[in-house]
Amino acid sequence: MDFKTLQVSDEGAILRVQLNRPEAGNSIDGQMLDELLLLLRHLEDDNTVRVMVLSGAGSDFCQGGDRTEFPELLERDPLGSELTLLGYKAQRVCS
């Protein structure tokens, strides 16, 4: 799998996943959520991975959600359903 916001290294039973948006403090945006969900769905069928190590590129692990995309989402959808969808995606990643 080729990701833009994640660097993934498969070492057999260990999967290393690095959040790779150091310029944004590795804050989680919609694209990163989509990529994390895709990776996690793939892992559901993979019996070889026993441990996933999550880290962040640069000096920050993760500064949380990327709020810089919120104004654009609200402009497109003033009722906030796109923001709600991001929240559901984040919930699924954490679960």
Protein backbone atom coordinates (compact mmCIF):
# COMPACT_ATOMS: atom_id res chain seq x y z
CA MET A 1 0.00 0.00 0.00
CA ASP A 2 1.19 3.46 -0.84
CA PHE A 3 0.34 6.21 1.65
CA LYS A 4 0.92 9.97 1.62
CA THR A 5 0.57 10.64 5.35
CA LEU A 6 1.92 7.39 6.79
CA GLN A 7 5.17 5.50 6.54
CA VAL A 8 4.63 1.79 7.05
CA SER A 9 7.32 -0.80 7.66
CA ASP A 10 6.35 -4.47 7.85
CA GLU A 11 8.76 -6.55 9.91
CA GLY A 12 6.82 -9.79 10.05
CA ALA A 13 5.03 -9.89 13.40
CA ILE A 14 5.79 -6.19 13.99
CA LEU A 15 4.22 -3.43 11.92
CA ARG A 16 5.73 0.03 12.35
CA VAL A 17 3.45 2.92 11.42
CA GLN A 18 4.80 6.47 11.47
CA LEU A 19 2.50 9.47 11.21
CA ASN A 20 4.26 11.49 8.51
CA ARG A 21 3.08 15.10 8.59
CA PRO A 22 5.91 16.66 10.64
CA GLU A 23 5.27 20.10 9.12
CA ALA A 24 1.83 20.01 10.79
CA GLY A 25 2.96 18.40 14.05
CA ASN A 26 1.60 15.10 12.68
CA SER A 27 -1.91 16.42 13.27
CA ILE A 28 -4.53 14.04 11.93
CA ASP A 29 -6.46 15.27 8.91
CA GLY A 30 -9.12 13.55 6.83
CA GLN A 31 -6.61 11.93 4.50
CA MET A 32 -4.63 10.46 7.40
CA LEU A 33 -7.84 9.08 8.93
CA ASP A 34 -8.73 7.44 5.61
CA GLU A 35 -5.25 5.93 5.31
CA LEU A 36 -5.30 4.65 8.91
CA LEU A 37 -8.73 3.07 8.35
CA LEU A 38 -7.50 1.41 5.14
CA LEU A 39 -4.44 0.05 6.91
CA LEU A 40 -6.46 -1.23 9.87
CA ARG A 41 -8.99 -2.92 7.55
CA HIS A 42 -6.10 -4.64 5.79
CA LEU A 43 -4.74 -5.84 9.14
CA GLU A 44 -8.05 -7.52 10.03
CA ASP A 45 -7.21 -10.22 7.46
CA ASP A 46 -3.49 -10.43 8.34
CA ASN A 47 -2.70 -13.09 10.93
CA THR A 48 1.05 -12.44 10.88
CA VAL A 49 1.07 -9.01 12.56
CA ARG A 50 1.05 -9.28 16.36
CA VAL A 51 2.19 -5.77 17.32
CA MET A 52 1.73 -2.35 15.75
CA VAL A 53 4.16 0.36 16.83
CA LEU A 54 2.79 3.86 16.23
CA SER A 55 5.16 6.83 16.13
CA GLY A 56 5.41 10.31 14.68
CA ALA A 57 7.94 11.81 12.27
CA GLY A 58 9.87 14.83 13.50
CA SER A 59 9.73 16.22 17.02
CA ASP A 60 5.98 15.73 17.66
CA PHE A 61 4.17 12.44 18.04
CA CYS A 62 0.76 13.93 17.19
CA GLN A 63 -0.80 17.29 17.97
CA GLY A 64 -4.35 15.92 17.64
CA GLY A 65 -6.90 16.73 14.98
CA ASP A 66 -5.95 19.11 12.17
CA ARG A 67 -8.35 21.99 12.74
CA THR A 68 -6.99 23.94 9.75
CA GLU A 69 -9.29 21.96 7.46
CA PHE A 70 -12.42 22.74 9.52
CA PRO A 71 -13.24 26.15 7.93
CA GLU A 72 -13.19 24.65 4.42
CA LEU A 73 -15.39 21.76 5.52
CA LEU A 74 -17.87 24.13 7.15
CA GLU A 75 -17.92 26.37 4.09
CA ARG A 76 -18.85 23.39 1.91
CA ASP A 77 -21.27 22.03 4.51
CA PRO A 78 -22.50 24.62 7.06
CA LEU A 79 -24.49 21.97 8.93
CA GLY A 80 -21.26 20.18 9.86
CA SER A 81 -22.00 16.69 8.58
CA GLU A 82 -18.47 16.44 7.12
CA LEU A 83 -17.03 17.33 10.53
CA THR A 84 -19.25 14.71 12.11
CA LEU A 85 -17.99 12.15 9.60
CA LEU A 86 -14.38 12.98 10.56
CA GLY A 87 -15.33 12.37 14.19
CA TYR A 88 -16.82 8.97 13.34
CA LYS A 89 -13.70 8.03 11.38
CA ALA A 90 -11.48 9.03 14.32
CA GLN A 91 -13.65 6.95 16.63
CA ARG A 92 -13.29 3.90 14.36
CA VAL A 93 -9.50 4.30 14.20
CA CYS A 94 -9.30 4.42 17.99
CA SER A 95 -11.61 1.43 18.39
